[in-house]
C-alpha atoms as a PDB file:
ATOM      1  CA  MET A   1      86.499  70.982  97.426  1.00  0.00           C
ATOM      2  CA  TYR A   2      86.214  67.355  96.492  1.00  0.00           C
ATOM      3  CA  LEU A   3      89.074  65.734  98.505  1.00  0.00           C
ATOM      4  CA  PRO A   4      89.650  61.971  98.250  1.00  0.00           C
ATOM      5  CA  ARG A   5      91.617  60.590 101.122  1.00  0.00           C
ATOM      6  CA  ALA A   6      94.554  59.681  98.802  1.00  0.00           C
ATOM      7  CA  PHE A   7      95.135  63.265  97.829  1.00  0.00           C
ATOM      8  CA  ALA A   8      94.644  64.917 101.264  1.00  0.00           C
ATOM      9  CA  GLU A   9      97.718  66.605 102.700  1.00  0.00           C
ATOM     10  CA  THR A  10      97.825  67.378 106.438  1.00  0.00           C
ATOM     11  CA  ASP A  11     101.384  68.745 106.926  1.00  0.00           C
ATOM     12  CA  LEU A  12     101.105  72.513 107.189  1.00  0.00           C
ATOM     13  CA  ALA A  13     104.673  72.833 105.868  1.00  0.00           C
ATOM     14  CA  ALA A  14     103.103  71.985 102.498  1.00  0.00           C
ATOM     15  CA  LEU A  15     100.946  75.076 102.832  1.00  0.00           C
ATOM     16  CA  ASP A  16     103.976  77.182 103.843  1.00  0.00           C
ATOM     17  CA  ASP A  17     105.588  75.957 100.568  1.00  0.00           C
ATOM     18  CA  LEU A  18     102.560  76.934  98.375  1.00  0.00           C
ATOM     19  CA  ALA A  19     102.323  80.330 100.085  1.00  0.00           C
ATOM     20  CA  ARG A  20     106.086  80.969  99.652  1.00  0.00           C
ATOM     21  CA  ARG A  21     105.868  79.865  95.965  1.00  0.00           C
ATOM     22  CA  ASP A  22     103.150  82.058  94.964  1.00  0.00           C
ATOM     23  CA  PRO A  23     101.664  84.410  97.626  1.00  0.00           C
ATOM     24  CA  PHE A  24      98.795  85.522  95.297  1.00  0.00           C
ATOM     25  CA  ILE A  25      95.298  84.370  96.359  1.00  0.00           C
ATOM     26  CA  THR A  26      91.908  84.043  94.904  1.00  0.00           C
ATOM     27  CA  LEU A  27      89.670  85.419  97.682  1.00  0.00           C
ATOM     28  CA  VAL A  28      85.936  84.511  97.513  1.00  0.00           C
ATOM     29  CA  THR A  29      83.116  86.071  99.540  1.00  0.00           C
ATOM     30  CA  VAL A  30      79.260  85.814  99.307  1.00  0.00           C
ATOM     31  CA  ARG A  31      76.721  88.375 100.188  1.00  0.00           C
ATOM     32  CA  ASP A  32      72.923  87.857  99.617  1.00  0.00           C
ATOM     33  CA  GLY A  33      73.802  84.868  97.556  1.00  0.00           C
ATOM     34  CA  ASP A  34      76.107  86.803  95.185  1.00  0.00           C
ATOM     35  CA  PRO A  35      79.717  85.683  95.093  1.00  0.00           C
ATOM     36  CA  THR A  36      82.427  88.247  94.727  1.00  0.00           C
ATOM     37  CA  VAL A  37      86.040  87.221  93.749  1.00  0.00           C
ATOM     38  CA  SER A  38      89.287  89.176  94.016  1.00  0.00           C
ATOM     39  CA  HIS A  39      92.844  88.192  93.114  1.00  0.00           C
ATOM     40  CA  LEU A  40      95.397  89.631  95.541  1.00  0.00           C
ATOM     41  CA  PRO A  41      98.959  89.352  96.870  1.00  0.00           C
ATOM     42  CA  VAL A  42      99.012  88.685 100.632  1.00  0.00           C
ATOM     43  CA  LEU A  43     101.326  88.481 103.616  1.00  0.00           C
ATOM     44  CA  TYR A  44     101.155  84.875 104.838  1.00  0.00           C
ATOM     45  CA  ARG A  45     101.741  84.280 108.522  1.00  0.00           C
ATOM     46  CA  ARG A  46     101.720  80.991 110.522  1.00  0.00           C
ATOM     47  CA  GLU A  47     102.482  80.222 114.034  1.00  0.00           C
ATOM     48  CA  GLY A  48     101.857  76.577 114.820  1.00  0.00           C
ATOM     49  CA  ASP A  49      98.302  75.808 113.664  1.00  0.00           C
ATOM     50  CA  ARG A  50      97.392  79.519 113.616  1.00  0.00           C
ATOM     51  CA  VAL A  51      97.365  81.094 109.990  1.00  0.00           C
ATOM     52  CA  GLU A  52      96.472  84.516 108.971  1.00  0.00           C
ATOM     53  CA  LEU A  53      96.597  86.315 105.610  1.00  0.00           C
ATOM     54  CA  ILE A  54      96.872  90.066 105.414  1.00  0.00           C
ATOM     55  CA  GLY A  55      96.434  92.328 102.370  1.00  0.00           C
ATOM     56  CA  HIS A  56      94.461  95.223 100.914  1.00  0.00           C
ATOM     57  CA  TRP A  57      91.910  95.944  98.295  1.00  0.00           C
ATOM     58  CA  ALA A  58      91.333  99.018  96.171  1.00  0.00           C
ATOM     59  CA  ARG A  59      88.661 101.020  97.955  1.00  0.00           C
ATOM     60  CA  PRO A  60      86.095 100.887  95.121  1.00  0.00           C
ATOM     61  CA  ASN A  61      86.315  97.071  95.182  1.00  0.00           C
ATOM     62  CA  PRO A  62      82.873  95.878  96.413  1.00  0.00           C
ATOM     63  CA  GLN A  63      84.621  93.185  98.502  1.00  0.00           C
ATOM     64  CA  ALA A  64      86.297  95.904 100.608  1.00  0.00           C
ATOM     65  CA  ARG A  65      82.906  96.422 102.208  1.00  0.00           C
ATOM     66  CA  HIS A  66      82.763  92.810 103.432  1.00  0.00           C
ATOM     67  CA  ASP A  67      83.318  91.488 106.897  1.00  0.00           C
ATOM     68  CA  GLY A  68      82.709  87.844 107.704  1.00  0.00           C
ATOM     69  CA  ALA A  69      83.158  84.405 106.176  1.00  0.00           C
ATOM     70  CA  ALA A  70      85.656  84.091 103.286  1.00  0.00           C
ATOM     71  CA  LEU A  71      87.554  81.493 101.268  1.00  0.00           C
ATOM     72  CA  ALA A  72      91.087  82.057 100.126  1.00  0.00           C
ATOM     73  CA  ILE A  73      92.721  79.796  97.583  1.00  0.00           C
ATOM     74  CA  PHE A  74      96.339  79.224  97.007  1.00  0.00           C
ATOM     75  CA  GLN A  75      97.128  77.685  93.511  1.00  0.00           C
ATOM     76  CA  GLY A  76     100.200  75.429  93.371  1.00  0.00           C
ATOM     77  CA  PRO A  77     101.875  73.984  90.398  1.00  0.00           C
ATOM     78  CA  HIS A  78      99.780  71.840  88.004  1.00  0.00           C
ATOM     79  CA  ALA A  79     100.254  69.801  84.886  1.00  0.00           C
ATOM     80  CA  TYR A  80      98.492  67.693  82.282  1.00  0.00           C
ATOM     81  CA  VAL A  81      99.169  63.992  82.504  1.00  0.00           C
ATOM     82  CA  SER A  82      98.831  61.983  79.294  1.00  0.00           C
ATOM     83  CA  PRO A  83      97.428  58.362  79.693  1.00  0.00           C
ATOM     84  CA  GLY A  84     100.121  57.319  77.181  1.00  0.00           C
ATOM     85  CA  TRP A  85     102.816  57.805  79.796  1.00  0.00           C
ATOM     86  CA  TYR A  86     101.504  54.989  82.046  1.00  0.00           C
ATOM     87  CA  PRO A  87     103.188  51.523  81.701  1.00  0.00           C
ATOM     88  CA  ASP A  88      99.855  49.881  82.404  1.00  0.00           C
ATOM     89  CA  LYS A  89      97.869  52.209  79.917  1.00  0.00           C
ATOM     90  CA  GLU A  90      96.337  49.357  77.903  1.00  0.00           C
ATOM     91  CA  GLU A  91      95.413  46.863  80.558  1.00  0.00           C
ATOM     92  CA  ALA A  92      94.087  49.459  82.901  1.00  0.00           C
ATOM     93  CA  ALA A  93      92.358  51.569  80.122  1.00  0.00           C
ATOM     94  CA  ARG A  94      93.976  54.726  81.513  1.00  0.00           C
ATOM     95  CA  VAL A  95      92.467  58.235  80.704  1.00  0.00           C
ATOM     96  CA  PRO A  96      93.895  61.697  80.733  1.00  0.00           C
ATOM     97  CA  THR A  97      94.085  63.573  84.071  1.00  0.00           C
ATOM     98  CA  TRP A  98      95.604  66.620  85.645  1.00  0.00           C
ATOM     99  CA  ASN A  99      97.991  66.669  88.714  1.00  0.00           C
ATOM    100  CA  TYR A 100      98.026  69.661  90.964  1.00  0.00           C
ATOM    101  CA  ALA A 101      98.424  71.163  94.396  1.00  0.00           C
ATOM    102  CA  VAL A 102      95.947  73.590  95.880  1.00  0.00           C
ATOM    103  CA  ALA A 103      95.036  74.926  99.259  1.00  0.00           C
ATOM    104  CA  HIS A 104      91.590  76.188 100.477  1.00  0.00           C
ATOM    105  CA  LEU A 105      91.542  78.373 103.591  1.00  0.00           C
ATOM    106  CA  ARG A 106      88.337  79.355 105.078  1.00  0.00           C
ATOM    107  CA  GLY A 107      87.980  81.978 107.883  1.00  0.00           C
ATOM    108  CA  THR A 108      86.590  85.286 108.990  1.00  0.00           C
ATOM    109  CA  LEU A 109      87.599  88.636 107.309  1.00  0.00           C
ATOM    110  CA  SER A 110      88.170  91.788 109.209  1.00  0.00           C
ATOM    111  CA  THR A 111      88.983  95.113 107.689  1.00  0.00           C
ATOM    112  CA  PHE A 112      91.119  98.063 108.741  1.00  0.00           C
ATOM    113  CA  GLU A 113      91.659 101.615 107.475  1.00  0.00           C
ATOM    114  CA  ASP A 114      94.044 103.334 109.909  1.00  0.00           C
ATOM    115  CA  GLU A 115      97.004 104.879 108.146  1.00  0.00           C
ATOM    116  CA  ALA A 116      99.698 103.044 110.202  1.00  0.00           C
ATOM    117  CA  SER A 117      98.341  99.615 109.520  1.00  0.00           C
ATOM    118  CA  LEU A 118      97.857 100.262 105.816  1.00  0.00           C
ATOM    119  CA  ALA A 119     101.407 101.701 105.515  1.00  0.00           C
ATOM    120  CA  GLY A 120     102.692  98.572 107.192  1.00  0.00           C
ATOM    121  CA  VAL A 121     100.955  96.223 104.713  1.00  0.00           C
ATOM    122  CA  VAL A 122     102.164  98.199 101.637  1.00  0.00           C
ATOM    123  CA  GLU A 123     105.668  98.426 103.073  1.00  0.00           C
ATOM    124  CA  GLN A 124     105.967  94.804 103.833  1.00  0.00           C
ATOM    125  CA  LEU A 125     104.482  93.622 100.492  1.00  0.00           C
ATOM    126  CA  SER A 126     106.897  95.919  98.638  1.00  0.00           C
ATOM    127  CA  VAL A 127     109.874  94.734 100.617  1.00  0.00           C
ATOM    128  CA  GLU A 128     109.068  91.016  99.998  1.00  0.00           C
ATOM    129  CA  HIS A 129     108.441  91.421  96.255  1.00  0.00           C
ATOM    130  CA  GLU A 130     110.926  94.066  95.277  1.00  0.00           C
ATOM    131  CA  ALA A 131     113.433  91.607  96.465  1.00  0.00           C
ATOM    132  CA  THR A 132     112.248  88.904  94.019  1.00  0.00           C
ATOM    133  CA  VAL A 133     112.717  91.256  90.995  1.00  0.00           C
ATOM    134  CA  GLY A 134     115.993  92.940  92.090  1.00  0.00           C
ATOM    135  CA  GLY A 135     114.250  96.213  92.786  1.00  0.00           C
ATOM    136  CA  ASP A 136     114.628  98.684  95.669  1.00  0.00           C
ATOM    137  CA  TRP A 137     111.401 100.604  95.719  1.00  0.00           C
ATOM    138  CA  ARG A 138     110.152 101.333  99.178  1.00  0.00           C
ATOM    139  CA  PHE A 139     106.986 102.871 100.591  1.00  0.00           C
ATOM    140  CA  GLU A 140     107.934 106.132 102.365  1.00  0.00           C
ATOM    141  CA  ILE A 141     105.204 107.277 104.714  1.00  0.00           C
ATOM    142  CA  GLU A 142     106.880 110.534 105.412  1.00  0.00           C
ATOM    143  CA  ARG A 143     106.180 111.511 101.747  1.00  0.00           C
ATOM    144  CA  ASP A 144     102.860 113.252 101.506  1.00  0.00           C
ATOM    145  CA  ASP A 145     102.240 112.073  97.935  1.00  0.00           C
ATOM    146  CA  GLN A 146     102.692 108.358  98.987  1.00  0.00           C
ATOM    147  CA  ARG A 147     100.799 108.694 102.257  1.00  0.00           C
ATOM    148  CA  ARG A 148      97.748 110.240 100.415  1.00  0.00           C
ATOM    149  CA  GLN A 149      97.519 107.209  98.212  1.00  0.00           C
ATOM    150  CA  LEU A 150      96.650 105.055 101.325  1.00  0.00           C
ATOM    151  CA  ARG A 151      93.255 106.726 101.194  1.00  0.00           C
ATOM    152  CA  GLY A 152      92.525 104.595  98.062  1.00  0.00           C
ATOM    153  CA  ILE A 153      92.898 101.194  99.787  1.00  0.00           C
ATOM    154  CA  VAL A 154      91.229  99.224 102.570  1.00  0.00           C
ATOM    155  CA  GLY A 155      93.174  96.601 104.466  1.00  0.00           C
ATOM    156  CA  PHE A 156      91.963  93.138 105.443  1.00  0.00           C
ATOM    157  CA  ARG A 157      93.007  90.302 107.723  1.00  0.00           C
ATOM    158  CA  LEU A 158      91.753  86.712 107.320  1.00  0.00           C
ATOM    159  CA  ASP A 159      91.877  84.675 110.432  1.00  0.00           C
ATOM    160  CA  VAL A 160      91.934  81.119 109.016  1.00  0.00           C
ATOM    161  CA  GLU A 161      89.672  78.625 110.800  1.00  0.00           C
ATOM    162  CA  SER A 162      89.976  75.534 108.543  1.00  0.00           C
ATOM    163  CA  ILE A 163      92.526  74.434 105.985  1.00  0.00           C
ATOM    164  CA  ALA A 164      92.091  71.850 103.126  1.00  0.00           C
ATOM    165  CA  LEU A 165      95.175  70.822 101.225  1.00  0.00           C
ATOM    166  CA  LYS A 166      94.779  68.795  98.077  1.00  0.00           C
ATOM    167  CA  PHE A 167      97.878  67.362  96.471  1.00  0.00           C
ATOM    168  CA  LYS A 168      96.746  65.198  93.599  1.00  0.00           C
ATOM    169  CA  LEU A 169     100.018  63.756  92.443  1.00  0.00           C
ATOM    170  CA  SER A 170      99.174  60.130  91.187  1.00  0.00           C
ATOM    171  CA  GLN A 171      99.152  58.676  94.685  1.00  0.00           C
ATOM    172  CA  ASN A 172      96.327  56.402  93.623  1.00  0.00           C
ATOM    173  CA  HIS A 173      98.498  54.712  90.913  1.00  0.00           C
ATOM    174  CA  PRO A 174     101.162  51.998  91.158  1.00  0.00           C
ATOM    175  CA  MET A 175     104.671  53.312  91.761  1.00  0.00           C
ATOM    176  CA  ALA A 176     105.686  52.413  88.173  1.00  0.00           C
ATOM    177  CA  ASN A 177     103.067  54.798  86.834  1.00  0.00           C
ATOM    178  CA  ARG A 178     104.072  57.538  89.309  1.00  0.00           C
ATOM    179  CA  GLU A 179     107.756  57.169  88.213  1.00  0.00           C
ATOM    180  CA  ALA A 180     106.860  57.294  84.607  1.00  0.00           C
ATOM    181  CA  VAL A 181     104.709  60.455  85.004  1.00  0.00           C
ATOM    182  CA  ALA A 182     107.279  62.214  87.087  1.00  0.00           C
ATOM    183  CA  SER A 183     110.028  61.542  84.559  1.00  0.00           C
ATOM    184  CA  ARG A 184     107.797  62.745  81.737  1.00  0.00           C
ATOM    185  CA  LEU A 185     106.907  65.910  83.567  1.00  0.00           C
ATOM    186  CA  GLU A 186     110.631  66.630  84.380  1.00  0.00           C
ATOM    187  CA  SER A 187     111.308  66.706  80.654  1.00  0.00           C
ATOM    188  CA  GLN A 188     108.611  69.219  79.886  1.00  0.00           C
ATOM    189  CA  SER A 189     109.429  72.869  78.991  1.00  0.00           C
ATOM    190  CA  ARG A 190     106.733  74.296  81.358  1.00  0.00           C
ATOM    191  CA  GLU A 191     108.190  75.235  84.754  1.00  0.00           C
ATOM    192  CA  ALA A 192     104.873  74.332  86.368  1.00  0.00           C
ATOM    193  CA  SER A 193     105.208  70.751  84.878  1.00  0.00           C
ATOM    194  CA  ARG A 194     108.727  70.388  86.371  1.00  0.00           C
ATOM    195  CA  ASP A 195     107.547  71.801  89.716  1.00  0.00           C
ATOM    196  CA  THR A 196     104.671  69.346  89.751  1.00  0.00           C
ATOM    197  CA  ALA A 197     107.255  66.493  89.133  1.00  0.00           C
ATOM    198  CA  ALA A 198     109.196  67.763  92.095  1.00  0.00           C
ATOM    199  CA  LEU A 199     106.211  67.540  94.360  1.00  0.00           C
ATOM    200  CA  MET A 200     105.465  64.005  93.060  1.00  0.00           C
ATOM    201  CA  ARG A 201     109.166  63.079  93.877  1.00  0.00           C
ATOM    202  CA  GLU A 202     108.723  64.278  97.373  1.00  0.00           C
ATOM    203  CA  ARG A 203     105.773  62.168  98.038  1.00  0.00           C
ATOM    204  CA  MET A 204     107.217  59.103  96.254  1.00  0.00           C
ATOM    205  CA  ASN A 205     110.329  59.379  98.466  1.00  0.00           C
ATOM    206  CA  GLU A 206     108.034  59.561 101.564  1.00  0.00           C
ATOM    207  CA  ALA A 207     106.213  56.446 100.381  1.00  0.00           C
ATOM    208  CA  THR A 208     109.315  54.427  99.879  1.00  0.00           C
ATOM    209  CA  GLY A 209     111.144  55.775 102.966  1.00  0.00           C
ATOM    210  CA  ASP A 210     113.964  57.379 100.828  1.00  0.00           C
END
């Protein structure tokens, strides 16, 4: 990932926030020069600098036969930025851009297929996400019909070895431009635009000591 110094984020709390906001990754692996991509919900776990992601594939997914190097991507909020919003748009000849937050996690994949571990993943994912929609479905391993469905999945664990966080939020602009962009994004109808503005405000407050 191209990562200019101005946009590099080092605080892992920012990664926690991205994973909490949208725990749905793009998982990329390569075998014999051929990339394979899956889009998957995961359980995110961090203790200090140690991060792991846990999830599962459908068994027919070719990626379910992969052990080894992998890249997981968390996509944060993002928004178009019009050059017309900048106070210095004419003298600086500003152009359109895009503000966004993203995390790239590289590590090593390992797979598991034992019933107890698979049941644990399905149960934890359902508990976390049923709560977000007001549901109460639970995986019940004692039910034969549900337990049999575990045969159709393969579990994975990604032990993360390196993390790149890019928060491109107009940090390379004068504060007046940053303020103008944040204000415009706050007025947009897209939730992602307003979320991007909130991230901008956080970094602007850090820069000014507020």
